[in-house]
Amino acid sequence: MSGTTRIRQFLAVNRWLLVAVILCAAAVYISFHYVTQYMQQQAQQQRTVATAPVLVLTTATSAFEPIVPGDVTIRRYPATLVPPGALSSVASLTGAWTTEALGPGIPIVGSEIFYPKTSNVIAARINPHDMAVDLPLGSSDAVDGLINPGDHISLFTQITPAGSSNPVVEDFMNNIPVLAVNGSLAPSATPTTGQGLTLILALPPERIAALLFAESHGTLIAALDAPHSQAAVPVPYSQKTYLTPIP
């Protein structure tokens, strides 16, 4: 049998096997070519994608907790994935608290934090060891309604000293910070001239006790302190000092 005949017989018997081998080789070549192009495109995209710095927490934080610089780090995110309002500066978190529970690794946005010292959160403005108490006053007792949050006031009271029948007006307390007026930590947008006011004052507990006692036994009149006033705080009157308060 000649060589040509043998080749013809081999091809006749194995023609489909040869077709399969050729198709497999073609598929491998096409797949390799496609994968190579895809990887090149991905590498090119990674080199050209714009990124932006964002702040993320390193640990989980509960709602209404302060954020300290050690709790955050700066990471770079693709610019298209940075959420609106995302923070990028550690300095922007000075005095910030969370409004909700936040997880680690997620960009911090402005709506998730607040600043108690500049927001309507009265407790954040009370100094350590002080308390807040309200003091309602008529317009004639509140500088004609012209007292604003942030002012300092002095309080005067009318008393009848022990052993005397003549009422007197005494300097009761000085340099009292006014946290809020009529429930607002900011000055009223509308004039309060001639109106009675409810003042929110910050005082130590012992001065609050004296204030409440004086309020329930006599008339209190507020006077507006000058800016940066350093008036000495008088000794508050006690129950023994009062004889017949003037209503």
C-alpha atoms as a PDB file:
ATOM      1  CA  MET A   1       0.000   0.000   0.000  1.00  0.00           C
ATOM      2  CA  SER A   2       1.420   3.329  -1.047  1.00  0.00           C
ATOM      3  CA  GLY A   3       1.981   6.265   1.287  1.00  0.00           C
ATOM      4  CA  THR A   4      -0.684   8.321  -0.419  1.00  0.00           C
ATOM      5  CA  THR A   5      -3.238   5.606   0.146  1.00  0.00           C
ATOM      6  CA  ARG A   6      -2.345   5.379   3.816  1.00  0.00           C
ATOM      7  CA  ILE A   7      -2.750   9.125   4.263  1.00  0.00           C
ATOM      8  CA  ARG A   8      -6.127   9.004   2.572  1.00  0.00           C
ATOM      9  CA  GLN A   9      -7.243   6.161   4.810  1.00  0.00           C
ATOM     10  CA  PHE A  10      -6.007   8.025   7.944  1.00  0.00           C
ATOM     11  CA  LEU A  11      -7.855  11.177   6.945  1.00  0.00           C
ATOM     12  CA  ALA A  12     -10.985   9.204   6.158  1.00  0.00           C
ATOM     13  CA  VAL A  13     -10.942   7.554   9.580  1.00  0.00           C
ATOM     14  CA  ASN A  14      -9.770  10.533  11.682  1.00  0.00           C
ATOM     15  CA  ARG A  15     -11.122  13.501   9.756  1.00  0.00           C
ATOM     16  CA  TRP A  16     -13.479  14.570  12.567  1.00  0.00           C
ATOM     17  CA  LEU A  17     -10.707  14.293  15.120  1.00  0.00           C
ATOM     18  CA  LEU A  18      -8.555  16.588  13.016  1.00  0.00           C
ATOM     19  CA  VAL A  19     -11.425  19.047  12.656  1.00  0.00           C
ATOM     20  CA  ALA A  20     -11.874  19.052  16.444  1.00  0.00           C
ATOM     21  CA  VAL A  21      -8.164  19.668  17.010  1.00  0.00           C
ATOM     22  CA  ILE A  22      -8.177  22.565  14.562  1.00  0.00           C
ATOM     23  CA  LEU A  23     -11.278  24.085  16.178  1.00  0.00           C
ATOM     24  CA  CYS A  24      -9.778  23.739  19.660  1.00  0.00           C
ATOM     25  CA  ALA A  25      -6.591  25.439  18.534  1.00  0.00           C
ATOM     26  CA  ALA A  26      -8.600  28.265  17.000  1.00  0.00           C
ATOM     27  CA  ALA A  27     -10.664  28.651  20.186  1.00  0.00           C
ATOM     28  CA  VAL A  28      -7.530  28.770  22.335  1.00  0.00           C
ATOM     29  CA  TYR A  29      -5.996  31.403  20.074  1.00  0.00           C
ATOM     30  CA  ILE A  30      -9.136  33.558  20.049  1.00  0.00           C
ATOM     31  CA  SER A  31      -9.584  33.250  23.829  1.00  0.00           C
ATOM     32  CA  PHE A  32      -5.964  34.143  24.497  1.00  0.00           C
ATOM     33  CA  HIS A  33      -6.195  37.118  22.163  1.00  0.00           C
ATOM     34  CA  TYR A  34      -9.425  38.330  23.845  1.00  0.00           C
ATOM     35  CA  VAL A  35      -8.082  37.904  27.393  1.00  0.00           C
ATOM     36  CA  THR A  36      -4.893  39.747  26.473  1.00  0.00           C
ATOM     37  CA  GLN A  37      -6.839  42.669  25.028  1.00  0.00           C
ATOM     38  CA  TYR A  38      -9.190  42.760  28.046  1.00  0.00           C
ATOM     39  CA  MET A  39      -6.306  42.837  30.517  1.00  0.00           C
ATOM     40  CA  GLN A  40      -4.636  45.613  28.561  1.00  0.00           C
ATOM     41  CA  GLN A  41      -7.859  47.633  28.582  1.00  0.00           C
ATOM     42  CA  GLN A  42      -8.305  47.129  32.335  1.00  0.00           C
ATOM     43  CA  ALA A  43      -4.741  48.177  33.015  1.00  0.00           C
ATOM     44  CA  GLN A  44      -5.254  51.270  30.872  1.00  0.00           C
ATOM     45  CA  GLN A  45      -8.469  52.155  32.731  1.00  0.00           C
ATOM     46  CA  GLN A  46      -6.775  51.740  36.108  1.00  0.00           C
ATOM     47  CA  ARG A  47      -4.076  54.131  35.021  1.00  0.00           C
ATOM     48  CA  THR A  48      -6.589  56.777  33.925  1.00  0.00           C
ATOM     49  CA  VAL A  49      -9.368  56.529  36.606  1.00  0.00           C
ATOM     50  CA  ALA A  50      -9.528  59.711  38.696  1.00  0.00           C
ATOM     51  CA  THR A  51      -9.533  59.229  42.462  1.00  0.00           C
ATOM     52  CA  ALA A  52     -10.392  61.482  45.397  1.00  0.00           C
ATOM     53  CA  PRO A  53      -9.443  61.402  49.104  1.00  0.00           C
ATOM     54  CA  VAL A  54     -12.239  60.574  51.552  1.00  0.00           C
ATOM     55  CA  LEU A  55     -12.438  60.112  55.312  1.00  0.00           C
ATOM     56  CA  VAL A  56     -13.439  56.692  56.606  1.00  0.00           C
ATOM     57  CA  LEU A  57     -13.801  55.373  60.130  1.00  0.00           C
ATOM     58  CA  THR A  58     -11.351  52.752  61.303  1.00  0.00           C
ATOM     59  CA  THR A  59     -13.733  51.427  63.970  1.00  0.00           C
ATOM     60  CA  ALA A  60     -17.497  51.237  64.357  1.00  0.00           C
ATOM     61  CA  THR A  61     -19.022  54.241  66.140  1.00  0.00           C
ATOM     62  CA  SER A  62     -22.419  54.494  67.827  1.00  0.00           C
ATOM     63  CA  ALA A  63     -24.891  57.303  67.226  1.00  0.00           C
ATOM     64  CA  PHE A  64     -24.379  60.564  69.138  1.00  0.00           C
ATOM     65  CA  GLU A  65     -20.744  59.869  69.924  1.00  0.00           C
ATOM     66  CA  PRO A  66     -17.809  62.258  69.377  1.00  0.00           C
ATOM     67  CA  ILE A  67     -15.412  61.517  66.524  1.00  0.00           C
ATOM     68  CA  VAL A  68     -11.725  61.924  67.325  1.00  0.00           C
ATOM     69  CA  PRO A  69      -8.902  62.068  64.740  1.00  0.00           C
ATOM     70  CA  GLY A  70      -7.636  58.653  65.819  1.00  0.00           C
ATOM     71  CA  ASP A  71     -10.935  57.092  64.718  1.00  0.00           C
ATOM     72  CA  VAL A  72     -10.536  58.020  61.045  1.00  0.00           C
ATOM     73  CA  THR A  73      -8.125  57.630  58.172  1.00  0.00           C
ATOM     74  CA  ILE A  74      -7.911  59.004  54.631  1.00  0.00           C
ATOM     75  CA  ARG A  75      -8.370  56.666  51.676  1.00  0.00           C
ATOM     76  CA  ARG A  76      -8.574  57.295  47.949  1.00  0.00           C
ATOM     77  CA  TYR A  77     -11.734  56.227  46.167  1.00  0.00           C
ATOM     78  CA  PRO A  78     -12.583  56.380  42.448  1.00  0.00           C
ATOM     79  CA  ALA A  79     -14.131  59.792  41.952  1.00  0.00           C
ATOM     80  CA  THR A  80     -17.284  58.247  40.486  1.00  0.00           C
ATOM     81  CA  LEU A  81     -17.830  56.218  43.672  1.00  0.00           C
ATOM     82  CA  VAL A  82     -17.386  59.058  46.162  1.00  0.00           C
ATOM     83  CA  PRO A  83     -20.824  59.850  47.684  1.00  0.00           C
ATOM     84  CA  PRO A  84     -22.056  63.466  47.613  1.00  0.00           C
ATOM     85  CA  GLY A  85     -21.003  65.400  50.693  1.00  0.00           C
ATOM     86  CA  ALA A  86     -18.132  63.057  51.560  1.00  0.00           C
ATOM     87  CA  LEU A  87     -15.559  64.623  53.888  1.00  0.00           C
ATOM     88  CA  SER A  88     -11.893  64.661  52.964  1.00  0.00           C
ATOM     89  CA  SER A  89     -10.183  66.651  55.728  1.00  0.00           C
ATOM     90  CA  VAL A  90      -9.539  65.475  59.279  1.00  0.00           C
ATOM     91  CA  ALA A  91      -9.796  69.108  60.402  1.00  0.00           C
ATOM     92  CA  SER A  92     -13.457  69.141  59.322  1.00  0.00           C
ATOM     93  CA  LEU A  93     -14.223  66.664  62.120  1.00  0.00           C
ATOM     94  CA  THR A  94     -13.112  68.988  64.919  1.00  0.00           C
ATOM     95  CA  GLY A  95     -15.945  68.969  67.448  1.00  0.00           C
ATOM     96  CA  ALA A  96     -18.045  66.591  65.323  1.00  0.00           C
ATOM     97  CA  TRP A  97     -20.443  63.967  66.680  1.00  0.00           C
ATOM     98  CA  THR A  98     -22.245  61.201  64.803  1.00  0.00           C
ATOM     99  CA  THR A  99     -25.969  61.430  64.035  1.00  0.00           C
ATOM    100  CA  GLU A 100     -26.236  57.673  63.475  1.00  0.00           C
ATOM    101  CA  ALA A 101     -24.248  54.479  63.948  1.00  0.00           C
ATOM    102  CA  LEU A 102     -21.398  54.312  61.414  1.00  0.00           C
ATOM    103  CA  GLY A 103     -19.347  51.336  60.289  1.00  0.00           C
ATOM    104  CA  PRO A 104     -15.640  51.191  59.446  1.00  0.00           C
ATOM    105  CA  GLY A 105     -14.352  51.635  55.909  1.00  0.00           C
ATOM    106  CA  ILE A 106     -17.341  53.649  54.653  1.00  0.00           C
ATOM    107  CA  PRO A 107     -16.868  57.285  53.534  1.00  0.00           C
ATOM    108  CA  ILE A 108     -18.183  59.815  56.072  1.00  0.00           C
ATOM    109  CA  VAL A 109     -20.650  62.333  54.634  1.00  0.00           C
ATOM    110  CA  GLY A 110     -21.756  65.629  56.131  1.00  0.00           C
ATOM    111  CA  SER A 111     -25.298  64.457  56.891  1.00  0.00           C
ATOM    112  CA  GLU A 112     -23.938  61.781  59.249  1.00  0.00           C
ATOM    113  CA  ILE A 113     -22.302  64.227  61.668  1.00  0.00           C
ATOM    114  CA  PHE A 114     -23.192  67.386  63.550  1.00  0.00           C
ATOM    115  CA  TYR A 115     -21.358  69.965  65.620  1.00  0.00           C
ATOM    116  CA  PRO A 116     -22.975  70.424  69.059  1.00  0.00           C
ATOM    117  CA  LYS A 117     -21.178  73.676  69.825  1.00  0.00           C
ATOM    118  CA  THR A 118     -22.769  75.356  66.811  1.00  0.00           C
ATOM    119  CA  SER A 119     -26.042  73.440  66.583  1.00  0.00           C
ATOM    120  CA  ASN A 120     -29.236  73.565  68.599  1.00  0.00           C
ATOM    121  CA  VAL A 121     -28.015  71.069  71.214  1.00  0.00           C
ATOM    122  CA  ILE A 122     -28.143  72.860  74.532  1.00  0.00           C
ATOM    123  CA  ALA A 123     -26.435  70.153  76.610  1.00  0.00           C
ATOM    124  CA  ALA A 124     -23.231  70.561  74.591  1.00  0.00           C
ATOM    125  CA  ARG A 125     -22.958  74.192  75.695  1.00  0.00           C
ATOM    126  CA  ILE A 126     -23.054  73.497  79.413  1.00  0.00           C
ATOM    127  CA  ASN A 127     -19.676  73.572  81.111  1.00  0.00           C
ATOM    128  CA  PRO A 128     -18.608  70.542  83.159  1.00  0.00           C
ATOM    129  CA  HIS A 129     -20.194  70.450  86.632  1.00  0.00           C
ATOM    130  CA  ASP A 130     -22.829  73.048  85.629  1.00  0.00           C
ATOM    131  CA  MET A 131     -26.530  72.544  84.981  1.00  0.00           C
ATOM    132  CA  ALA A 132     -29.155  74.383  82.947  1.00  0.00           C
ATOM    133  CA  VAL A 133     -32.247  75.926  84.506  1.00  0.00           C
ATOM    134  CA  ASP A 134     -35.005  78.130  83.113  1.00  0.00           C
ATOM    135  CA  LEU A 135     -35.946  81.524  84.537  1.00  0.00           C
ATOM    136  CA  PRO A 136     -39.162  83.167  83.275  1.00  0.00           C
ATOM    137  CA  LEU A 137     -39.123  86.956  83.554  1.00  0.00           C
ATOM    138  CA  GLY A 138     -41.526  89.700  82.601  1.00  0.00           C
ATOM    139  CA  SER A 139     -40.414  92.377  80.162  1.00  0.00           C
ATOM    140  CA  SER A 140     -39.857  94.899  82.971  1.00  0.00           C
ATOM    141  CA  ASP A 141     -37.577  92.386  84.704  1.00  0.00           C
ATOM    142  CA  ALA A 142     -35.632  91.323  81.568  1.00  0.00           C
ATOM    143  CA  VAL A 143     -34.162  94.587  80.230  1.00  0.00           C
ATOM    144  CA  ASP A 144     -37.338  95.216  78.222  1.00  0.00           C
ATOM    145  CA  GLY A 145     -36.947  91.870  76.435  1.00  0.00           C
ATOM    146  CA  LEU A 146     -33.526  92.693  74.969  1.00  0.00           C
ATOM    147  CA  ILE A 147     -31.528  89.789  76.451  1.00  0.00           C
ATOM    148  CA  ASN A 148     -30.087  87.387  73.846  1.00  0.00           C
ATOM    149  CA  PRO A 149     -28.372  83.993  73.947  1.00  0.00           C
ATOM    150  CA  GLY A 150     -24.684  84.435  74.708  1.00  0.00           C
ATOM    151  CA  ASP A 151     -25.224  87.447  76.974  1.00  0.00           C
ATOM    152  CA  HIS A 152     -24.215  87.506  80.626  1.00  0.00           C
ATOM    153  CA  ILE A 153     -26.597  88.883  83.216  1.00  0.00           C
ATOM    154  CA  SER A 154     -26.733  89.800  86.884  1.00  0.00           C
ATOM    155  CA  LEU A 155     -29.757  89.126  89.058  1.00  0.00           C
ATOM    156  CA  PHE A 156     -31.173  91.399  91.725  1.00  0.00           C
ATOM    157  CA  THR A 157     -33.784  90.429  94.284  1.00  0.00           C
ATOM    158  CA  GLN A 158     -36.087  92.291  96.666  1.00  0.00           C
ATOM    159  CA  ILE A 159     -35.879  91.152 100.275  1.00  0.00           C
ATOM    160  CA  THR A 160     -36.678  92.314 103.762  1.00  0.00           C
ATOM    161  CA  PRO A 161     -33.562  91.684 105.862  1.00  0.00           C
ATOM    162  CA  ALA A 162     -33.917  90.000 109.225  1.00  0.00           C
ATOM    163  CA  GLY A 163     -34.644  92.493 111.983  1.00  0.00           C
ATOM    164  CA  SER A 164     -35.891  95.158 109.569  1.00  0.00           C
ATOM    165  CA  SER A 165     -39.268  96.093 108.145  1.00  0.00           C
ATOM    166  CA  ASN A 166     -37.837  97.958 105.180  1.00  0.00           C
ATOM    167  CA  PRO A 167     -37.463  96.024 101.902  1.00  0.00           C
ATOM    168  CA  VAL A 168     -34.227  96.399  99.994  1.00  0.00           C
ATOM    169  CA  VAL A 169     -32.948  95.374  96.579  1.00  0.00           C
ATOM    170  CA  GLU A 170     -29.790  93.295  96.709  1.00  0.00           C
ATOM    171  CA  ASP A 171     -27.273  92.167  94.121  1.00  0.00           C
ATOM    172  CA  PHE A 172     -27.985  88.437  94.102  1.00  0.00           C
ATOM    173  CA  MET A 173     -25.835  86.827  91.374  1.00  0.00           C
ATOM    174  CA  ASN A 174     -23.434  88.117  88.734  1.00  0.00           C
ATOM    175  CA  ASN A 175     -21.881  87.017  85.471  1.00  0.00           C
ATOM    176  CA  ILE A 176     -24.495  84.369  84.650  1.00  0.00           C
ATOM    177  CA  PRO A 177     -24.228  83.006  81.074  1.00  0.00           C
ATOM    178  CA  VAL A 178     -27.474  82.905  79.101  1.00  0.00           C
ATOM    179  CA  LEU A 179     -27.557  79.712  77.028  1.00  0.00           C
ATOM    180  CA  ALA A 180     -30.903  80.244  75.338  1.00  0.00           C
ATOM    181  CA  VAL A 181     -33.886  82.570  75.250  1.00  0.00           C
ATOM    182  CA  ASN A 182     -37.426  81.287  74.717  1.00  0.00           C
ATOM    183  CA  GLY A 183     -36.037  77.873  73.758  1.00  0.00           C
ATOM    184  CA  SER A 184     -33.655  79.139  71.066  1.00  0.00           C
ATOM    185  CA  LEU A 185     -29.861  79.084  71.168  1.00  0.00           C
ATOM    186  CA  ALA A 186     -29.704  81.830  68.537  1.00  0.00           C
ATOM    187  CA  PRO A 187     -30.986  85.414  68.742  1.00  0.00           C
ATOM    188  CA  SER A 188     -34.598  85.735  67.695  1.00  0.00           C
ATOM    189  CA  ALA A 189     -35.243  86.690  64.081  1.00  0.00           C
ATOM    190  CA  THR A 190     -38.132  88.877  65.256  1.00  0.00           C
ATOM    191  CA  PRO A 191     -37.825  91.684  67.827  1.00  0.00           C
ATOM    192  CA  THR A 192     -38.593  90.719  71.425  1.00  0.00           C
ATOM    193  CA  THR A 193     -38.679  94.291  72.716  1.00  0.00           C
ATOM    194  CA  GLY A 194     -41.302  94.709  75.406  1.00  0.00           C
ATOM    195  CA  GLN A 195     -41.878  90.975  75.754  1.00  0.00           C
ATOM    196  CA  GLY A 196     -41.381  88.650  78.677  1.00  0.00           C
ATOM    197  CA  LEU A 197     -38.570  86.126  78.253  1.00  0.00           C
ATOM    198  CA  THR A 198     -37.748  82.664  79.505  1.00  0.00           C
ATOM    199  CA  LEU A 199     -33.990  82.487  80.009  1.00  0.00           C
ATOM    200  CA  ILE A 200     -32.014  79.236  80.081  1.00  0.00           C
ATOM    201  CA  LEU A 201     -29.087  79.768  82.450  1.00  0.00           C
ATOM    202  CA  ALA A 202     -26.014  77.629  83.170  1.00  0.00           C
ATOM    203  CA  LEU A 203     -25.036  77.470  86.836  1.00  0.00           C
ATOM    204  CA  PRO A 204     -23.435  75.122  89.373  1.00  0.00           C
ATOM    205  CA  PRO A 205     -25.962  73.069  91.366  1.00  0.00           C
ATOM    206  CA  GLU A 206     -25.569  75.134  94.558  1.00  0.00           C
ATOM    207  CA  ARG A 207     -26.288  78.381  92.687  1.00  0.00           C
ATOM    208  CA  ILE A 208     -29.312  76.794  91.015  1.00  0.00           C
ATOM    209  CA  ALA A 209     -30.653  75.864  94.450  1.00  0.00           C
ATOM    210  CA  ALA A 210     -30.228  79.460  95.624  1.00  0.00           C
ATOM    211  CA  LEU A 211     -31.838  80.774  92.433  1.00  0.00           C
ATOM    212  CA  LEU A 212     -34.880  78.514  92.750  1.00  0.00           C
ATOM    213  CA  PHE A 213     -35.278  79.474  96.392  1.00  0.00           C
ATOM    214  CA  ALA A 214     -35.096  83.180  95.560  1.00  0.00           C
ATOM    215  CA  GLU A 215     -37.481  82.756  92.628  1.00  0.00           C
ATOM    216  CA  SER A 216     -40.086  81.100  94.833  1.00  0.00           C
ATOM    217  CA  HIS A 217     -39.782  83.698  97.617  1.00  0.00           C
ATOM    218  CA  GLY A 218     -39.514  87.007  95.832  1.00  0.00           C
ATOM    219  CA  THR A 219     -39.044  88.980  92.655  1.00  0.00           C
ATOM    220  CA  LEU A 220     -35.965  88.594  90.475  1.00  0.00           C
ATOM    221  CA  ILE A 221     -34.796  91.334  88.134  1.00  0.00           C
ATOM    222  CA  ALA A 222     -32.174  90.753  85.438  1.00  0.00           C
ATOM    223  CA  ALA A 223     -29.566  93.326  84.470  1.00  0.00           C
ATOM    224  CA  LEU A 224     -27.438  92.975  81.346  1.00  0.00           C
ATOM    225  CA  ASP A 225     -23.702  92.737  82.075  1.00  0.00           C
ATOM    226  CA  ALA A 226     -21.181  94.675  80.029  1.00  0.00           C
ATOM    227  CA  PRO A 227     -19.051  92.576  77.645  1.00  0.00           C
ATOM    228  CA  HIS A 228     -16.139  90.874  79.399  1.00  0.00           C
ATOM    229  CA  SER A 229     -17.527  91.878  82.778  1.00  0.00           C
ATOM    230  CA  GLN A 230     -15.558  90.449  85.692  1.00  0.00           C
ATOM    231  CA  ALA A 231     -17.989  91.353  88.466  1.00  0.00           C
ATOM    232  CA  ALA A 232     -17.482  89.439  91.691  1.00  0.00           C
ATOM    233  CA  VAL A 233     -20.119  86.838  92.438  1.00  0.00           C
ATOM    234  CA  PRO A 234     -21.913  87.752  95.682  1.00  0.00           C
ATOM    235  CA  VAL A 235     -22.693  85.142  98.310  1.00  0.00           C
ATOM    236  CA  PRO A 236     -26.206  83.845  97.509  1.00  0.00           C
ATOM    237  CA  TYR A 237     -28.898  84.468 100.076  1.00  0.00           C
ATOM    238  CA  SER A 238     -30.048  81.462 102.048  1.00  0.00           C
ATOM    239  CA  GLN A 239     -33.360  80.757 103.679  1.00  0.00           C
ATOM    240  CA  LYS A 240     -32.031  82.199 106.949  1.00  0.00           C
ATOM    241  CA  THR A 241     -31.360  85.532 105.252  1.00  0.00           C
ATOM    242  CA  TYR A 242     -34.945  85.943 104.091  1.00  0.00           C
ATOM    243  CA  LEU A 243     -37.562  87.255 106.468  1.00  0.00           C
ATOM    244  CA  THR A 244     -40.437  88.610 104.397  1.00  0.00           C
ATOM    245  CA  PRO A 245     -39.747  88.577 100.659  1.00  0.00           C
ATOM    246  CA  ILE A 246     -41.503  91.292  98.707  1.00  0.00           C
ATOM    247  CA  PRO A 247     -43.744  89.681  96.048  1.00  0.00           C
END
